[in-house]
Amino acid sequence: MRGELKKVNKELESNTGYLLNKMNIRHNNMEGKNAIEYVKNLSDEELEEWYDETYQMLLLCFLEYENIERNKKINKLKGVIEK
């Protein structure tokens, strides 16, 4: 999915991947080798806000990905109608 999404919205793909990797979701960013001082110092409320933002970004990714096929179908329809 990421490869296809990169083709249509590279910024969305990149930003979503960044949030997943840096906001203590895919990796432990609170301690150990992946620790990030900024993330460690976030309040629970701030972290929850970033989780909400990440969730919204993921929803956008799914919608954008589904829209790839939708656009193909619409373009096919255009070709039939415009003949």
C-alpha atoms as a PDB file:
ATOM      1  CA  MET A   1       0.000   0.000   0.000  1.00  0.00           C
ATOM      2  CA  ARG A   2       2.790   2.446   0.822  1.00  0.00           C
ATOM      3  CA  GLY A   3       4.328   2.167  -2.624  1.00  0.00           C
ATOM      4  CA  GLU A   4       1.056   2.959  -4.364  1.00  0.00           C
ATOM      5  CA  LEU A   5       0.282   5.765  -1.954  1.00  0.00           C
ATOM      6  CA  LYS A   6       3.706   7.321  -2.582  1.00  0.00           C
ATOM      7  CA  LYS A   7       2.800   7.643  -6.246  1.00  0.00           C
ATOM      8  CA  VAL A   8      -0.327   9.707  -5.579  1.00  0.00           C
ATOM      9  CA  ASN A   9       0.454  11.547  -2.332  1.00  0.00           C
ATOM     10  CA  LYS A  10       4.076  11.306  -1.270  1.00  0.00           C
ATOM     11  CA  GLU A  11       3.717  13.860   1.535  1.00  0.00           C
ATOM     12  CA  LEU A  12       0.790  12.021   3.126  1.00  0.00           C
ATOM     13  CA  GLU A  13       2.679   8.719   2.958  1.00  0.00           C
ATOM     14  CA  SER A  14       5.860  10.263   4.342  1.00  0.00           C
ATOM     15  CA  ASN A  15       4.215  12.187   7.189  1.00  0.00           C
ATOM     16  CA  THR A  16       2.115   9.224   8.264  1.00  0.00           C
ATOM     17  CA  GLY A  17       5.154   6.943   8.265  1.00  0.00           C
ATOM     18  CA  TYR A  18       7.057   9.522  10.287  1.00  0.00           C
ATOM     19  CA  LEU A  19       4.342   9.720  12.940  1.00  0.00           C
ATOM     20  CA  LEU A  20       4.104   5.947  13.168  1.00  0.00           C
ATOM     21  CA  ASN A  21       7.869   5.628  13.580  1.00  0.00           C
ATOM     22  CA  LYS A  22       8.574   8.579  15.881  1.00  0.00           C
ATOM     23  CA  MET A  23       5.568   8.929  18.206  1.00  0.00           C
ATOM     24  CA  ASN A  24       5.968   5.731  20.246  1.00  0.00           C
ATOM     25  CA  ILE A  25       3.667   3.661  18.041  1.00  0.00           C
ATOM     26  CA  ARG A  26       5.796   1.303  15.956  1.00  0.00           C
ATOM     27  CA  HIS A  27       8.931   1.758  18.048  1.00  0.00           C
ATOM     28  CA  ASN A  28       9.555   2.405  21.721  1.00  0.00           C
ATOM     29  CA  ASN A  29      10.490   6.070  21.548  1.00  0.00           C
ATOM     30  CA  MET A  30      10.408   6.506  25.318  1.00  0.00           C
ATOM     31  CA  GLU A  31      13.542   4.522  26.179  1.00  0.00           C
ATOM     32  CA  GLY A  32      16.355   2.565  24.630  1.00  0.00           C
ATOM     33  CA  LYS A  33      18.013   3.104  21.264  1.00  0.00           C
ATOM     34  CA  ASN A  34      14.926   4.710  19.666  1.00  0.00           C
ATOM     35  CA  ALA A  35      14.268   7.143  22.523  1.00  0.00           C
ATOM     36  CA  ILE A  36      13.389  10.688  21.474  1.00  0.00           C
ATOM     37  CA  GLU A  37      13.671  13.343  24.163  1.00  0.00           C
ATOM     38  CA  TYR A  38      10.770  15.405  22.797  1.00  0.00           C
ATOM     39  CA  VAL A  39       8.438  12.398  22.806  1.00  0.00           C
ATOM     40  CA  LYS A  40       9.562  11.348  26.298  1.00  0.00           C
ATOM     41  CA  ASN A  41       8.642  14.789  27.633  1.00  0.00           C
ATOM     42  CA  LEU A  42       5.150  14.970  26.148  1.00  0.00           C
ATOM     43  CA  SER A  43       2.271  14.976  28.603  1.00  0.00           C
ATOM     44  CA  ASP A  44      -0.318  12.226  28.304  1.00  0.00           C
ATOM     45  CA  GLU A  45      -2.704  14.775  26.766  1.00  0.00           C
ATOM     46  CA  GLU A  46      -0.152  15.905  24.186  1.00  0.00           C
ATOM     47  CA  LEU A  47       0.704  12.341  23.267  1.00  0.00           C
ATOM     48  CA  GLU A  48      -2.981  11.507  22.914  1.00  0.00           C
ATOM     49  CA  GLU A  49      -3.404  14.506  20.585  1.00  0.00           C
ATOM     50  CA  TRP A  50      -0.600  13.160  18.401  1.00  0.00           C
ATOM     51  CA  TYR A  51      -2.216   9.715  18.429  1.00  0.00           C
ATOM     52  CA  ASP A  52      -5.462  11.320  17.277  1.00  0.00           C
ATOM     53  CA  GLU A  53      -3.611  13.138  14.489  1.00  0.00           C
ATOM     54  CA  THR A  54      -1.915   9.903  13.467  1.00  0.00           C
ATOM     55  CA  TYR A  55      -5.258   8.122  13.351  1.00  0.00           C
ATOM     56  CA  GLN A  56      -6.669  10.861  11.114  1.00  0.00           C
ATOM     57  CA  MET A  57      -3.649  10.563   8.830  1.00  0.00           C
ATOM     58  CA  LEU A  58      -4.137   6.798   8.596  1.00  0.00           C
ATOM     59  CA  LEU A  59      -7.773   7.307   7.643  1.00  0.00           C
ATOM     60  CA  LEU A  60      -6.672   9.698   4.915  1.00  0.00           C
ATOM     61  CA  CYS A  61      -4.173   7.111   3.685  1.00  0.00           C
ATOM     62  CA  PHE A  62      -6.877   4.455   3.389  1.00  0.00           C
ATOM     63  CA  LEU A  63      -9.219   6.853   1.575  1.00  0.00           C
ATOM     64  CA  GLU A  64      -6.475   7.994  -0.790  1.00  0.00           C
ATOM     65  CA  TYR A  65      -5.470   4.399  -1.504  1.00  0.00           C
ATOM     66  CA  GLU A  66      -9.057   3.378  -2.252  1.00  0.00           C
ATOM     67  CA  ASN A  67      -9.393   6.409  -4.490  1.00  0.00           C
ATOM     68  CA  ILE A  68      -6.674   5.054  -6.801  1.00  0.00           C
ATOM     69  CA  GLU A  69      -9.008   2.301  -8.026  1.00  0.00           C
ATOM     70  CA  ARG A  70     -11.982   4.652  -8.025  1.00  0.00           C
ATOM     71  CA  ASN A  71     -10.144   7.035 -10.349  1.00  0.00           C
ATOM     72  CA  LYS A  72      -9.244   4.156 -12.675  1.00  0.00           C
ATOM     73  CA  LYS A  73     -12.935   3.208 -12.908  1.00  0.00           C
ATOM     74  CA  ILE A  74     -13.960   6.807 -13.545  1.00  0.00           C
ATOM     75  CA  ASN A  75     -11.308   7.214 -16.238  1.00  0.00           C
ATOM     76  CA  LYS A  76     -12.548   4.027 -17.897  1.00  0.00           C
ATOM     77  CA  LEU A  77     -16.096   5.391 -17.782  1.00  0.00           C
ATOM     78  CA  LYS A  78     -14.912   8.651 -19.332  1.00  0.00           C
ATOM     79  CA  GLY A  79     -13.303   6.704 -22.155  1.00  0.00           C
ATOM     80  CA  VAL A  80     -16.549   4.859 -22.856  1.00  0.00           C
ATOM     81  CA  ILE A  81     -18.691   7.992 -22.701  1.00  0.00           C
ATOM     82  CA  GLU A  82     -16.353  10.138 -24.790  1.00  0.00           C
ATOM     83  CA  LYS A  83     -16.118   7.627 -27.683  1.00  0.00           C
END
